[in-house]
Each structure stands twice: as C-alpha cells, then as structure tokens.
C-alpha cells in the first residue's frame, strides 16, 4: 500500500475490499500472468540488502512472488467448473511489445487507464487511432517519490480509495469488444475485471506505459530497451 499509494491502509475494510476485488478478478480472468522461474531467480539475487541497518536479508520479494503463484491456484480451484484460463508469464505485457502494432493499428476507438496525460496523443500518433477514451489516475507513489515528490504530497494523490471509487462508477465501454489498455498497478486487475463485465477486451499493460513514455521506473528497463520501444 505504501509503494502503490504512499500510505498504509487506514481501515481493515480497505484491505478487504482490495483483496476481494483481486480475488474476483483472478477468478474471472481469461489470461493470468504469474511469476516465472526467471522472476524468482531475479528476486533471489536481491535478498541481500545493504541499508541503514547494515547488511540484512529481505525475503519479502521472493515470499510475495511465491504467494502470487499459490494464491491464484487456490482461487482457480474454487472457481466455477469449466473455467480454464490461460496461464502465462507475468512479463507477458512486455512480451507483447512487438505485437501491439497488430493489435492497435488503425483501430477506431480504444480505452486507456494511465497516469500519463500525454500518452493518448502518443498512442494516436503511433497507431493512427481514431479516438481514445482516457481515464487518468494518480501515479504510483514510489515512482513519484523517485523523481522528488514529497511523501506528504504522495498521500494526497488519492488513487485508493478516492479515485478508485470514482473510476469504478464512471468506467464505460463505447462498444462491445472495445480494447482497453490498463496501467494502474494492483488496482489495474480490478479495473480489468470491471471492464470485462462491461463488454470490453481489457489488457493489463503494466509498465509498458512507462516504457512507451521512456520512463525508467523499472530497474530492468535499461537505456537500450527504452530507446527501442518508447513512442
């Protein structure tokens, strides 16, 4: 919650709402990206941390990734019969970078949830899109902090629960099958589920939005990678 929204939860109800929303999204998803072996190996090498307390072992990343594998498995076992979603890598949004041309070129209308107000125009220019239904959200708190925003300002960003509640009420789909690109962190999973219910094809593009903007918010997005894919 601190990484995403700049503050710890104020009420247990907030955590419950998030947990229930993500569980429902997993159970209803057609494609689920899960941590793969490369992800676990990457985190394993980052257990040793040097900080103000000296050198210590930080196992939160690897334990979180393991639970990200176990948690959906439990949810899917509890899902209605005949549910057989495709399971793929949690990096599938990046793996799609060579194929967004085929997906988006000359599409009349798409939807977008992102923190970047200039991204819609870049998408239009790159793929000759007719119109974009854009729903703006606050940036992830840890990203804002990295470029110098104060923690006090981050807590006022208000993505959850303020903007989240507004967006869940105002999300709309222009037509059945409208493609929606969602870059909204953990809440993006819940937005995807809501948009699917409304008849859209919802794709969680995650940090691909940052890549398109040329923003190095992930340490594995090096200069060459950003230069190749930025819009």
C-alpha atoms as a PDB file:
ATOM      1  CA  UNK A   1       0.000   0.000   0.000  1.00  0.00           C
ATOM      2  CA  UNK A   2       2.893   2.378   0.733  1.00  0.00           C
ATOM      3  CA  UNK A   3       4.562   1.583  -2.594  1.00  0.00           C
ATOM      4  CA  UNK A   4       1.366   1.979  -4.590  1.00  0.00           C
ATOM      5  CA  UNK A   5      -0.495   4.734  -2.773  1.00  0.00           C
ATOM      6  CA  UNK A   6       2.008   6.443  -0.464  1.00  0.00           C
ATOM      7  CA  UNK A   7       0.369   5.366   2.771  1.00  0.00           C
ATOM      8  CA  UNK A   8      -0.599   2.353   4.823  1.00  0.00           C
ATOM      9  CA  UNK A   9      -4.299   1.404   4.903  1.00  0.00           C
ATOM     10  CA  UNK A  10      -6.451   3.463   7.232  1.00  0.00           C
ATOM     11  CA  UNK A  11      -9.053   0.764   7.761  1.00  0.00           C
ATOM     12  CA  UNK A  12      -9.194  -3.023   7.549  1.00  0.00           C
ATOM     13  CA  UNK A  13     -12.143  -2.580   5.209  1.00  0.00           C
ATOM     14  CA  UNK A  14      -9.798  -1.069   2.601  1.00  0.00           C
ATOM     15  CA  UNK A  15      -7.592  -4.162   2.637  1.00  0.00           C
ATOM     16  CA  UNK A  16     -10.626  -6.448   2.486  1.00  0.00           C
ATOM     17  CA  UNK A  17     -12.067  -4.557  -0.477  1.00  0.00           C
ATOM     18  CA  UNK A  18      -8.781  -4.838  -2.360  1.00  0.00           C
ATOM     19  CA  UNK A  19      -8.357  -8.497  -1.532  1.00  0.00           C
ATOM     20  CA  UNK A  20     -11.900  -9.376  -2.580  1.00  0.00           C
ATOM     21  CA  UNK A  21     -11.619  -7.345  -5.771  1.00  0.00           C
ATOM     22  CA  UNK A  22      -8.369  -9.031  -6.808  1.00  0.00           C
ATOM     23  CA  UNK A  23      -9.743 -12.477  -5.977  1.00  0.00           C
ATOM     24  CA  UNK A  24     -12.773 -11.854  -8.191  1.00  0.00           C
ATOM     25  CA  UNK A  25     -10.530 -10.531 -10.995  1.00  0.00           C
ATOM     26  CA  UNK A  26      -8.364 -13.669 -10.885  1.00  0.00           C
ATOM     27  CA  UNK A  27     -11.392 -15.940 -10.931  1.00  0.00           C
ATOM     28  CA  UNK A  28     -12.888 -14.137 -13.944  1.00  0.00           C
ATOM     29  CA  UNK A  29      -9.716 -13.548 -15.986  1.00  0.00           C
ATOM     30  CA  UNK A  30      -9.165 -15.289 -19.326  1.00  0.00           C
ATOM     31  CA  UNK A  31      -5.367 -14.902 -19.158  1.00  0.00           C
ATOM     32  CA  UNK A  32      -3.355 -14.745 -15.927  1.00  0.00           C
ATOM     33  CA  UNK A  33       0.301 -13.716 -15.747  1.00  0.00           C
ATOM     34  CA  UNK A  34       2.199 -15.364 -12.898  1.00  0.00           C
ATOM     35  CA  UNK A  35       5.804 -15.121 -11.661  1.00  0.00           C
ATOM     36  CA  UNK A  36       8.006 -17.435 -13.707  1.00  0.00           C
ATOM     37  CA  UNK A  37      11.368 -19.015 -12.925  1.00  0.00           C
ATOM     38  CA  UNK A  38      13.310 -16.018 -14.269  1.00  0.00           C
ATOM     39  CA  UNK A  39      11.374 -13.729 -11.935  1.00  0.00           C
ATOM     40  CA  UNK A  40      12.093 -15.906  -8.911  1.00  0.00           C
ATOM     41  CA  UNK A  41      15.797 -16.137  -9.799  1.00  0.00           C
ATOM     42  CA  UNK A  42      15.939 -12.343 -10.191  1.00  0.00           C
ATOM     43  CA  UNK A  43      14.391 -11.777  -6.764  1.00  0.00           C
ATOM     44  CA  UNK A  44      16.570 -14.446  -5.166  1.00  0.00           C
ATOM     45  CA  UNK A  45      19.683 -12.455  -6.049  1.00  0.00           C
ATOM     46  CA  UNK A  46      18.215  -9.364  -4.389  1.00  0.00           C
ATOM     47  CA  UNK A  47      17.608 -10.901  -0.955  1.00  0.00           C
ATOM     48  CA  UNK A  48      20.865  -9.458   0.359  1.00  0.00           C
ATOM     49  CA  UNK A  49      20.217  -5.777   1.083  1.00  0.00           C
ATOM     50  CA  UNK A  50      22.555  -3.076   2.328  1.00  0.00           C
ATOM     51  CA  UNK A  51      20.784  -0.320   4.239  1.00  0.00           C
ATOM     52  CA  UNK A  52      20.978   1.903   7.276  1.00  0.00           C
ATOM     53  CA  UNK A  53      20.834  -1.208   9.460  1.00  0.00           C
ATOM     54  CA  UNK A  54      23.802  -2.718   7.648  1.00  0.00           C
ATOM     55  CA  UNK A  55      23.544  -5.862   5.540  1.00  0.00           C
ATOM     56  CA  UNK A  56      20.390  -7.903   6.097  1.00  0.00           C
ATOM     57  CA  UNK A  57      18.186 -10.463   4.385  1.00  0.00           C
ATOM     58  CA  UNK A  58      14.958  -9.101   2.881  1.00  0.00           C
ATOM     59  CA  UNK A  59      12.749 -12.023   1.830  1.00  0.00           C
ATOM     60  CA  UNK A  60       9.566 -10.060   1.147  1.00  0.00           C
ATOM     61  CA  UNK A  61      10.041 -10.102  -2.619  1.00  0.00           C
ATOM     62  CA  UNK A  62      10.548 -13.826  -3.037  1.00  0.00           C
ATOM     63  CA  UNK A  63       7.868 -14.790  -0.496  1.00  0.00           C
ATOM     64  CA  UNK A  64       5.446 -12.428  -2.212  1.00  0.00           C
ATOM     65  CA  UNK A  65       6.215 -13.937  -5.610  1.00  0.00           C
ATOM     66  CA  UNK A  66       5.735 -17.470  -4.308  1.00  0.00           C
ATOM     67  CA  UNK A  67       2.377 -16.479  -2.864  1.00  0.00           C
ATOM     68  CA  UNK A  68       1.493 -14.874  -6.194  1.00  0.00           C
ATOM     69  CA  UNK A  69       1.780 -18.378  -7.651  1.00  0.00           C
ATOM     70  CA  UNK A  70      -0.070 -20.183  -4.855  1.00  0.00           C
ATOM     71  CA  UNK A  71      -2.867 -17.632  -4.365  1.00  0.00           C
ATOM     72  CA  UNK A  72      -4.324 -17.793  -7.912  1.00  0.00           C
ATOM     73  CA  UNK A  73      -4.077 -21.588  -7.860  1.00  0.00           C
ATOM     74  CA  UNK A  74      -6.281 -21.669  -4.760  1.00  0.00           C
ATOM     75  CA  UNK A  75      -8.728 -19.195  -6.279  1.00  0.00           C
ATOM     76  CA  UNK A  76      -8.951 -21.067  -9.562  1.00  0.00           C
ATOM     77  CA  UNK A  77      -9.638 -24.333  -7.748  1.00  0.00           C
ATOM     78  CA  UNK A  78     -12.573 -22.576  -6.099  1.00  0.00           C
ATOM     79  CA  UNK A  79     -13.853 -21.134  -9.390  1.00  0.00           C
ATOM     80  CA  UNK A  80     -16.928 -22.478 -11.177  1.00  0.00           C
ATOM     81  CA  UNK A  81     -16.461 -25.695 -13.200  1.00  0.00           C
ATOM     82  CA  UNK A  82     -15.110 -25.469 -16.757  1.00  0.00           C
ATOM     83  CA  UNK A  83     -13.059 -22.358 -16.039  1.00  0.00           C
ATOM     84  CA  UNK A  84      -9.740 -22.866 -17.798  1.00  0.00           C
ATOM     85  CA  UNK A  85      -7.848 -19.566 -18.125  1.00  0.00           C
ATOM     86  CA  UNK A  86      -4.557 -19.387 -19.965  1.00  0.00           C
ATOM     87  CA  UNK A  87      -1.610 -19.187 -17.563  1.00  0.00           C
ATOM     88  CA  UNK A  88       1.423 -17.281 -18.800  1.00  0.00           C
ATOM     89  CA  UNK A  89       4.376 -15.218 -17.555  1.00  0.00           C
ATOM     90  CA  UNK A  90       3.832 -12.073 -15.509  1.00  0.00           C
ATOM     91  CA  UNK A  91       6.017 -10.367 -18.131  1.00  0.00           C
ATOM     92  CA  UNK A  92       3.513 -11.069 -20.919  1.00  0.00           C
ATOM     93  CA  UNK A  93       2.689  -7.352 -21.213  1.00  0.00           C
ATOM     94  CA  UNK A  94       6.324  -6.701 -22.152  1.00  0.00           C
ATOM     95  CA  UNK A  95       6.457  -9.781 -24.375  1.00  0.00           C
ATOM     96  CA  UNK A  96       3.629  -8.208 -26.386  1.00  0.00           C
ATOM     97  CA  UNK A  97       5.706  -5.131 -27.287  1.00  0.00           C
ATOM     98  CA  UNK A  98       6.447  -6.415 -30.829  1.00  0.00           C
ATOM     99  CA  UNK A  99       2.748  -7.195 -31.342  1.00  0.00           C
ATOM    100  CA  UNK A 100       0.962  -4.025 -30.235  1.00  0.00           C
ATOM    101  CA  UNK A 101       1.275  -2.911 -33.868  1.00  0.00           C
ATOM    102  CA  UNK A 102      -1.014  -5.753 -34.937  1.00  0.00           C
ATOM    103  CA  UNK A 103      -3.352  -5.162 -32.028  1.00  0.00           C
ATOM    104  CA  UNK A 104      -3.815  -1.392 -32.254  1.00  0.00           C
ATOM    105  CA  UNK A 105      -3.086  -0.245 -35.800  1.00  0.00           C
ATOM    106  CA  UNK A 106      -5.967   1.781 -37.299  1.00  0.00           C
ATOM    107  CA  UNK A 107      -8.422   0.868 -34.530  1.00  0.00           C
ATOM    108  CA  UNK A 108     -11.280   3.381 -34.389  1.00  0.00           C
ATOM    109  CA  UNK A 109     -11.593   3.648 -30.627  1.00  0.00           C
ATOM    110  CA  UNK A 110      -9.749   2.259 -27.618  1.00  0.00           C
ATOM    111  CA  UNK A 111      -9.858   2.927 -23.896  1.00  0.00           C
ATOM    112  CA  UNK A 112      -6.893   3.799 -21.678  1.00  0.00           C
ATOM    113  CA  UNK A 113      -6.324   3.990 -17.923  1.00  0.00           C
ATOM    114  CA  UNK A 114      -2.958   5.568 -17.113  1.00  0.00           C
ATOM    115  CA  UNK A 115      -1.245   8.258 -15.067  1.00  0.00           C
ATOM    116  CA  UNK A 116       0.322   9.886 -18.162  1.00  0.00           C
ATOM    117  CA  UNK A 117      -1.861  12.675 -19.637  1.00  0.00           C
ATOM    118  CA  UNK A 118       0.253  12.857 -22.815  1.00  0.00           C
ATOM    119  CA  UNK A 119       0.133   9.113 -23.543  1.00  0.00           C
ATOM    120  CA  UNK A 120      -3.154   9.213 -25.510  1.00  0.00           C
ATOM    121  CA  UNK A 121      -1.694  11.561 -28.112  1.00  0.00           C
ATOM    122  CA  UNK A 122       1.427   9.426 -28.444  1.00  0.00           C
ATOM    123  CA  UNK A 123      -0.708   6.334 -28.992  1.00  0.00           C
ATOM    124  CA  UNK A 124      -2.822   8.141 -31.577  1.00  0.00           C
ATOM    125  CA  UNK A 125       0.253   9.304 -33.434  1.00  0.00           C
ATOM    126  CA  UNK A 126       1.939   5.911 -33.400  1.00  0.00           C
ATOM    127  CA  UNK A 127      -1.046   3.794 -34.452  1.00  0.00           C
ATOM    128  CA  UNK A 128      -3.378   6.251 -36.215  1.00  0.00           C
ATOM    129  CA  UNK A 129      -6.061   5.637 -33.624  1.00  0.00           C
ATOM    130  CA  UNK A 130      -9.346   7.416 -34.148  1.00  0.00           C
ATOM    131  CA  UNK A 131     -10.270   8.204 -30.540  1.00  0.00           C
ATOM    132  CA  UNK A 132      -9.156   7.243 -27.044  1.00  0.00           C
ATOM    133  CA  UNK A 133     -11.447   7.167 -24.019  1.00  0.00           C
ATOM    134  CA  UNK A 134      -8.894   8.255 -21.420  1.00  0.00           C
ATOM    135  CA  UNK A 135      -9.308   7.812 -17.674  1.00  0.00           C
ATOM    136  CA  UNK A 136      -6.428   9.407 -15.787  1.00  0.00           C
ATOM    137  CA  UNK A 137      -5.197   8.157 -12.409  1.00  0.00           C
ATOM    138  CA  UNK A 138      -2.501   9.382  -9.992  1.00  0.00           C
ATOM    139  CA  UNK A 139       0.990   7.975 -10.491  1.00  0.00           C
ATOM    140  CA  UNK A 140       2.258   5.129  -8.314  1.00  0.00           C
ATOM    141  CA  UNK A 141       3.609   6.690  -5.127  1.00  0.00           C
ATOM    142  CA  UNK A 142       7.043   5.055  -5.312  1.00  0.00           C
ATOM    143  CA  UNK A 143       7.536   6.371  -8.856  1.00  0.00           C
ATOM    144  CA  UNK A 144       6.631   9.896  -7.783  1.00  0.00           C
ATOM    145  CA  UNK A 145       8.951   9.657  -4.822  1.00  0.00           C
ATOM    146  CA  UNK A 146      11.779   8.620  -7.141  1.00  0.00           C
ATOM    147  CA  UNK A 147      11.540  11.894  -9.037  1.00  0.00           C
ATOM    148  CA  UNK A 148      11.401  14.066  -5.944  1.00  0.00           C
ATOM    149  CA  UNK A 149       7.803  14.380  -4.771  1.00  0.00           C
ATOM    150  CA  UNK A 150       7.369  14.722  -1.029  1.00  0.00           C
ATOM    151  CA  UNK A 151       5.781  11.880   0.915  1.00  0.00           C
ATOM    152  CA  UNK A 152       3.168  14.309   2.194  1.00  0.00           C
ATOM    153  CA  UNK A 153       2.060  15.095  -1.354  1.00  0.00           C
ATOM    154  CA  UNK A 154       2.011  11.411  -2.240  1.00  0.00           C
ATOM    155  CA  UNK A 155      -0.503  10.654   0.463  1.00  0.00           C
ATOM    156  CA  UNK A 156      -2.821  13.229  -1.104  1.00  0.00           C
ATOM    157  CA  UNK A 157      -2.667  11.617  -4.550  1.00  0.00           C
ATOM    158  CA  UNK A 158      -5.837   9.747  -3.677  1.00  0.00           C
ATOM    159  CA  UNK A 159      -5.816   6.818  -6.138  1.00  0.00           C
ATOM    160  CA  UNK A 160      -7.201   4.491  -3.481  1.00  0.00           C
ATOM    161  CA  UNK A 161      -9.861   4.728  -2.332  1.00  0.00           C
ATOM    162  CA  UNK A 162     -10.871   8.147  -3.708  1.00  0.00           C
ATOM    163  CA  UNK A 163     -10.107   7.972  -7.429  1.00  0.00           C
ATOM    164  CA  UNK A 164     -10.677   4.207  -7.481  1.00  0.00           C
ATOM    165  CA  UNK A 165     -14.269   4.614  -6.320  1.00  0.00           C
ATOM    166  CA  UNK A 166     -14.906   7.388  -8.847  1.00  0.00           C
ATOM    167  CA  UNK A 167     -13.485   5.322 -11.680  1.00  0.00           C
ATOM    168  CA  UNK A 168     -15.414   2.165 -10.831  1.00  0.00           C
ATOM    169  CA  UNK A 169     -18.606   4.214 -11.154  1.00  0.00           C
ATOM    170  CA  UNK A 170     -17.633   6.162 -14.287  1.00  0.00           C
ATOM    171  CA  UNK A 171     -15.925   3.482 -16.418  1.00  0.00           C
ATOM    172  CA  UNK A 172     -17.802   2.992 -19.664  1.00  0.00           C
ATOM    173  CA  UNK A 173     -17.362   0.977 -22.834  1.00  0.00           C
ATOM    174  CA  UNK A 174     -18.159   2.562 -26.203  1.00  0.00           C
ATOM    175  CA  UNK A 175     -18.999  -0.752 -27.853  1.00  0.00           C
ATOM    176  CA  UNK A 176     -18.749  -4.462 -27.136  1.00  0.00           C
ATOM    177  CA  UNK A 177     -15.233  -5.671 -27.779  1.00  0.00           C
ATOM    178  CA  UNK A 178     -13.604  -2.260 -27.296  1.00  0.00           C
ATOM    179  CA  UNK A 179      -9.924  -2.702 -26.457  1.00  0.00           C
ATOM    180  CA  UNK A 180      -8.895  -1.173 -23.130  1.00  0.00           C
ATOM    181  CA  UNK A 181      -5.270  -0.747 -22.081  1.00  0.00           C
ATOM    182  CA  UNK A 182      -4.833  -0.531 -18.308  1.00  0.00           C
ATOM    183  CA  UNK A 183      -1.700   0.600 -16.481  1.00  0.00           C
ATOM    184  CA  UNK A 184      -2.801   1.029 -12.885  1.00  0.00           C
ATOM    185  CA  UNK A 185      -0.721  -1.200 -10.643  1.00  0.00           C
ATOM    186  CA  UNK A 186      -2.568  -3.550  -8.337  1.00  0.00           C
ATOM    187  CA  UNK A 187      -5.872  -1.777  -8.979  1.00  0.00           C
ATOM    188  CA  UNK A 188      -5.477  -2.476 -12.695  1.00  0.00           C
ATOM    189  CA  UNK A 189      -6.564  -6.061 -12.082  1.00  0.00           C
ATOM    190  CA  UNK A 190      -9.851  -4.867 -10.626  1.00  0.00           C
ATOM    191  CA  UNK A 191     -10.354  -2.375 -13.450  1.00  0.00           C
ATOM    192  CA  UNK A 192      -9.771  -5.191 -15.959  1.00  0.00           C
ATOM    193  CA  UNK A 193     -12.475  -7.269 -14.313  1.00  0.00           C
ATOM    194  CA  UNK A 194     -14.950  -4.379 -14.292  1.00  0.00           C
ATOM    195  CA  UNK A 195     -14.283  -3.584 -17.954  1.00  0.00           C
ATOM    196  CA  UNK A 196     -14.717  -7.222 -18.931  1.00  0.00           C
ATOM    197  CA  UNK A 197     -18.103  -7.144 -17.206  1.00  0.00           C
ATOM    198  CA  UNK A 198     -18.950  -4.076 -19.306  1.00  0.00           C
ATOM    199  CA  UNK A 199     -18.038  -5.907 -22.520  1.00  0.00           C
ATOM    200  CA  UNK A 200     -14.514  -4.661 -23.209  1.00  0.00           C
ATOM    201  CA  UNK A 201     -11.347  -6.580 -24.045  1.00  0.00           C
ATOM    202  CA  UNK A 202      -9.237  -5.455 -21.087  1.00  0.00           C
ATOM    203  CA  UNK A 203      -5.446  -5.823 -21.214  1.00  0.00           C
ATOM    204  CA  UNK A 204      -3.260  -5.029 -18.212  1.00  0.00           C
ATOM    205  CA  UNK A 205      -0.210  -3.453 -19.880  1.00  0.00           C
ATOM    206  CA  UNK A 206       1.514  -2.619 -16.580  1.00  0.00           C
ATOM    207  CA  UNK A 207       4.879  -0.913 -17.007  1.00  0.00           C
ATOM    208  CA  UNK A 208       4.580  -0.907 -20.812  1.00  0.00           C
ATOM    209  CA  UNK A 209       3.002   2.536 -20.386  1.00  0.00           C
ATOM    210  CA  UNK A 210       6.202   3.686 -18.667  1.00  0.00           C
ATOM    211  CA  UNK A 211       8.268   2.195 -21.500  1.00  0.00           C
ATOM    212  CA  UNK A 212       6.176   3.985 -24.141  1.00  0.00           C
ATOM    213  CA  UNK A 213       6.801   7.225 -22.236  1.00  0.00           C
ATOM    214  CA  UNK A 214      10.520   6.497 -21.950  1.00  0.00           C
ATOM    215  CA  UNK A 215      10.384   6.475 -18.153  1.00  0.00           C
ATOM    216  CA  UNK A 216      12.924   4.154 -16.412  1.00  0.00           C
ATOM    217  CA  UNK A 217      10.719   3.270 -13.450  1.00  0.00           C
ATOM    218  CA  UNK A 218      11.833  -0.375 -13.503  1.00  0.00           C
ATOM    219  CA  UNK A 219      15.500  -1.122 -12.925  1.00  0.00           C
ATOM    220  CA  UNK A 220      15.446  -3.777 -15.665  1.00  0.00           C
ATOM    221  CA  UNK A 221      14.348  -1.185 -18.260  1.00  0.00           C
ATOM    222  CA  UNK A 222      17.778  -0.128 -19.493  1.00  0.00           C
ATOM    223  CA  UNK A 223      18.554   2.685 -21.937  1.00  0.00           C
ATOM    224  CA  UNK A 224      18.629   0.434 -24.997  1.00  0.00           C
ATOM    225  CA  UNK A 225      15.287  -1.150 -24.119  1.00  0.00           C
ATOM    226  CA  UNK A 226      13.604   2.235 -23.609  1.00  0.00           C
ATOM    227  CA  UNK A 227      15.154   3.649 -26.785  1.00  0.00           C
ATOM    228  CA  UNK A 228      13.801   0.756 -28.802  1.00  0.00           C
ATOM    229  CA  UNK A 229      10.212   0.889 -27.598  1.00  0.00           C
ATOM    230  CA  UNK A 230       9.442   4.452 -26.486  1.00  0.00           C
ATOM    231  CA  UNK A 231       6.807   6.269 -28.542  1.00  0.00           C
END
